[in-house]
């Protein structure tokens, strides 16, 4: 008989920089959620897509990406229109973390959501990235449509026998400029014939 670990009856609390983070009862704190703070995620998302950024200020665009990934923006309770309205009240294109917290408080108050809940979601969403898409499955349809040996007409001329594309030579009819045409006279011989 194996002994099961006892279930946790109280909520896990974590206090970071004055913010209280709560986790659901009965679940151990996740490594990813406990390892990354709200401030660290702010810095990472502020830098996302802008190599010149130092991570001290975030734009509305990056804020919306962060909120969508954290599922704060759900399209029903909180939308990108809402975030745009409350972000523009700060009268700046980029805001520091202090102003960003004011933005979150204003948004939460007006949308009747707890600020702690929003910050927890933002802290636990992980690094910015491309989520939700799996690998592309190669099916018989894809194989059939990409088989260059079955191409006809002008499309057939765009590929060589091995299926490799010819590049510009396969798309344009390039003239032969090798030099030989009927009636062609070499410049040197033409000048020699002049008396």
Protein backbone atom coordinates (compact mmCIF):
# COMPACT_ATOMS: atom_id res chain seq x y z
CA UNK A 1 0.00 0.00 0.00
CA UNK A 2 1.31 3.41 -0.91
CA UNK A 3 0.48 6.38 1.23
CA UNK A 4 -1.01 9.35 -0.63
CA UNK A 5 0.24 12.79 0.29
CA UNK A 6 -2.28 14.76 2.33
CA UNK A 7 -4.21 17.42 0.43
CA UNK A 8 -3.46 20.98 1.23
CA UNK A 9 -6.38 22.66 2.99
CA UNK A 10 -5.15 26.25 3.10
CA UNK A 11 -4.34 28.53 0.23
CA UNK A 12 -0.74 28.98 -0.74
CA UNK A 13 0.25 32.63 -0.27
CA UNK A 14 3.30 34.32 -1.68
CA UNK A 15 4.15 37.94 -0.99
CA UNK A 16 6.39 39.69 -3.50
CA UNK A 17 6.98 43.44 -3.55
CA UNK A 18 3.78 44.07 -1.62
CA UNK A 19 1.64 41.92 -3.95
CA UNK A 20 -0.09 38.88 -2.50
CA UNK A 21 -0.17 35.90 -4.85
CA UNK A 22 -2.66 33.16 -4.12
CA UNK A 23 -2.86 29.72 -5.60
CA UNK A 24 -5.79 27.35 -5.63
CA UNK A 25 -6.16 25.14 -2.56
CA UNK A 26 -5.06 21.55 -3.00
CA UNK A 27 -2.52 22.31 -5.70
CA UNK A 28 1.17 22.61 -5.07
CA UNK A 29 2.73 25.86 -6.22
CA UNK A 30 3.93 25.50 -9.78
CA UNK A 31 7.63 26.01 -10.51
CA UNK A 32 6.98 28.41 -13.35
CA UNK A 33 4.49 30.57 -11.41
CA UNK A 34 6.62 30.73 -8.29
CA UNK A 35 9.86 31.31 -10.17
CA UNK A 36 8.73 34.40 -12.12
CA UNK A 37 7.45 37.56 -10.50
CA UNK A 38 5.15 40.18 -11.96
CA UNK A 39 8.08 42.62 -12.23
CA UNK A 40 10.28 40.10 -14.08
CA UNK A 41 7.51 39.35 -16.56
CA UNK A 42 6.94 43.10 -17.02
CA UNK A 43 10.58 43.51 -18.03
CA UNK A 44 10.49 40.54 -20.42
CA UNK A 45 7.27 41.65 -22.15
CA UNK A 46 8.50 45.27 -22.31
CA UNK A 47 11.55 44.05 -24.29
CA UNK A 48 9.52 41.68 -26.49
CA UNK A 49 9.84 42.60 -30.18
CA UNK A 50 12.01 45.68 -29.49
CA UNK A 51 15.73 44.91 -29.38
CA UNK A 52 16.53 48.50 -28.32
CA UNK A 53 14.27 48.38 -25.25
CA UNK A 54 15.79 48.20 -21.78
CA UNK A 55 12.62 46.67 -20.29
CA UNK A 56 11.80 49.62 -18.03
CA UNK A 57 8.81 50.84 -20.05
CA UNK A 58 6.05 48.92 -21.83
CA UNK A 59 3.88 49.90 -24.79
CA UNK A 60 0.14 49.32 -25.14
CA UNK A 61 0.80 46.77 -27.88
CA UNK A 62 3.13 44.69 -25.69
CA UNK A 63 0.76 45.06 -22.74
CA UNK A 64 -2.09 43.68 -24.84
CA UNK A 65 0.08 40.75 -25.99
CA UNK A 66 0.93 40.02 -22.38
CA UNK A 67 -2.69 40.24 -21.26
CA UNK A 68 -3.90 38.03 -24.10
CA UNK A 69 -1.30 35.38 -23.29
CA UNK A 70 -2.27 35.54 -19.61
CA UNK A 71 -5.95 35.36 -20.58
CA UNK A 72 -6.72 38.65 -18.83
CA UNK A 73 -8.16 39.92 -22.10
CA UNK A 74 -10.95 37.49 -22.80
CA UNK A 75 -13.03 39.53 -25.25
CA UNK A 76 -16.00 39.63 -22.87
CA UNK A 77 -15.18 41.11 -19.48
CA UNK A 78 -11.97 42.87 -20.56
CA UNK A 79 -11.25 43.74 -24.19
CA UNK A 80 -8.45 45.48 -26.07
CA UNK A 81 -10.72 48.52 -26.33
CA UNK A 82 -10.87 48.70 -22.53
CA UNK A 83 -7.10 48.42 -22.19
CA UNK A 84 -6.64 51.10 -24.86
CA UNK A 85 -8.96 53.52 -23.06
CA UNK A 86 -7.34 53.14 -19.64
CA UNK A 87 -3.79 53.05 -21.05
CA UNK A 88 -4.34 56.31 -22.97
CA UNK A 89 -5.37 58.02 -19.70
CA UNK A 90 -1.68 57.83 -18.74
CA UNK A 91 -0.96 60.18 -21.70
CA UNK A 92 2.19 58.34 -22.75
CA UNK A 93 3.18 55.86 -25.45
CA UNK A 94 5.35 53.89 -23.01
CA UNK A 95 4.85 53.56 -19.25
CA UNK A 96 7.10 52.48 -16.40
CA UNK A 97 6.08 49.77 -13.95
CA UNK A 98 4.77 52.27 -11.36
CA UNK A 99 2.37 53.80 -13.91
CA UNK A 100 1.53 50.35 -15.25
CA UNK A 101 0.36 49.29 -11.78
CA UNK A 102 -1.87 52.41 -11.67
CA UNK A 103 -3.23 51.40 -15.09
CA UNK A 104 -4.02 47.90 -13.79
CA UNK A 105 -5.72 49.31 -10.68
CA UNK A 106 -7.86 51.68 -12.80
CA UNK A 107 -8.74 48.88 -15.23
CA UNK A 108 -9.60 46.44 -12.42
CA UNK A 109 -11.72 49.00 -10.54
CA UNK A 110 -13.76 49.94 -13.61
CA UNK A 111 -14.20 46.35 -14.83
CA UNK A 112 -14.94 45.04 -11.30
CA UNK A 113 -12.05 42.59 -11.23
CA UNK A 114 -9.50 42.07 -8.46
CA UNK A 115 -6.08 43.63 -9.18
CA UNK A 116 -4.38 40.71 -7.43
CA UNK A 117 -6.11 38.29 -9.79
CA UNK A 118 -4.87 40.22 -12.85
CA UNK A 119 -1.32 40.43 -11.49
CA UNK A 120 -1.31 36.71 -10.68
CA UNK A 121 -2.36 35.86 -14.23
CA UNK A 122 0.27 38.21 -15.65
CA UNK A 123 2.99 36.75 -13.43
CA UNK A 124 2.10 33.12 -14.17
CA UNK A 125 1.63 33.22 -17.94
CA UNK A 126 5.24 32.41 -18.80
CA UNK A 127 7.59 34.14 -21.24
CA UNK A 128 6.26 35.78 -24.39
CA UNK A 129 5.97 33.49 -27.28
CA UNK A 130 3.98 31.78 -29.80
CA UNK A 131 1.51 29.46 -28.11
CA UNK A 132 -1.42 27.35 -29.17
CA UNK A 133 -0.20 26.08 -32.53
CA UNK A 134 0.92 22.52 -32.92
CA UNK A 135 3.13 21.05 -35.56
CA UNK A 136 1.95 20.96 -39.15
CA UNK A 137 0.71 17.55 -40.21
CA UNK A 138 1.79 16.40 -43.64
CA UNK A 139 -1.13 14.71 -45.30
CA UNK A 140 -1.63 13.09 -48.66
CA UNK A 141 -3.31 16.29 -49.86
CA UNK A 142 -0.23 18.37 -49.05
CA UNK A 143 2.00 15.78 -50.73
CA UNK A 144 -0.16 15.78 -53.84
CA UNK A 145 -0.30 19.57 -54.11
CA UNK A 146 3.44 20.02 -53.65
CA UNK A 147 4.56 17.23 -56.01
CA UNK A 148 6.27 19.19 -58.81
CA UNK A 149 6.25 16.21 -61.18
CA UNK A 150 2.48 16.60 -61.54
CA UNK A 151 2.61 20.32 -62.46
CA UNK A 152 1.53 21.28 -65.98
CA UNK A 153 1.78 24.32 -68.25
CA UNK A 154 3.88 27.26 -67.16
CA UNK A 155 4.16 25.94 -63.63
CA UNK A 156 6.01 22.88 -64.91
CA UNK A 157 8.68 25.14 -66.43
CA UNK A 158 9.45 26.70 -63.04
CA UNK A 159 11.09 23.50 -61.71
CA UNK A 160 13.89 21.24 -62.95
CA UNK A 161 13.70 17.42 -63.14
CA UNK A 162 14.60 17.00 -59.46
CA UNK A 163 11.81 19.31 -58.29
CA UNK A 164 14.09 22.19 -57.37
CA UNK A 165 12.89 25.67 -58.36
CA UNK A 166 14.71 27.50 -61.14
CA UNK A 167 14.25 30.93 -59.57
CA UNK A 168 13.90 33.93 -61.90
CA UNK A 169 14.73 31.77 -64.91
CA UNK A 170 11.57 29.77 -64.26
CA UNK A 171 9.36 32.88 -64.08
CA UNK A 172 10.66 35.14 -66.85
CA UNK A 173 11.54 34.47 -70.45
CA UNK A 174 15.13 35.69 -70.48
CA UNK A 175 16.67 36.44 -73.89
CA UNK A 176 19.78 34.58 -75.01
CA UNK A 177 22.57 37.13 -74.95
CA UNK A 178 25.37 34.73 -75.89
CA UNK A 179 26.19 36.85 -78.94
CA UNK A 180 25.30 34.74 -81.95
CA UNK A 181 22.39 35.83 -84.09
CA UNK A 182 22.06 35.85 -87.86
CA UNK A 183 23.62 38.95 -89.37
CA UNK A 184 25.76 39.58 -86.28
CA UNK A 185 29.11 41.17 -86.92
CA UNK A 186 31.76 41.46 -84.29
CA UNK A 187 32.61 45.06 -83.48
CA UNK A 188 36.32 44.44 -84.04
CA UNK A 189 35.81 42.92 -87.49
CA UNK A 190 33.40 45.69 -88.49
CA UNK A 191 35.96 48.38 -87.73
CA UNK A 192 38.67 46.47 -89.62
CA UNK A 193 36.53 46.30 -92.76
CA UNK A 194 36.18 50.09 -92.95
CA UNK A 195 38.68 51.54 -95.43
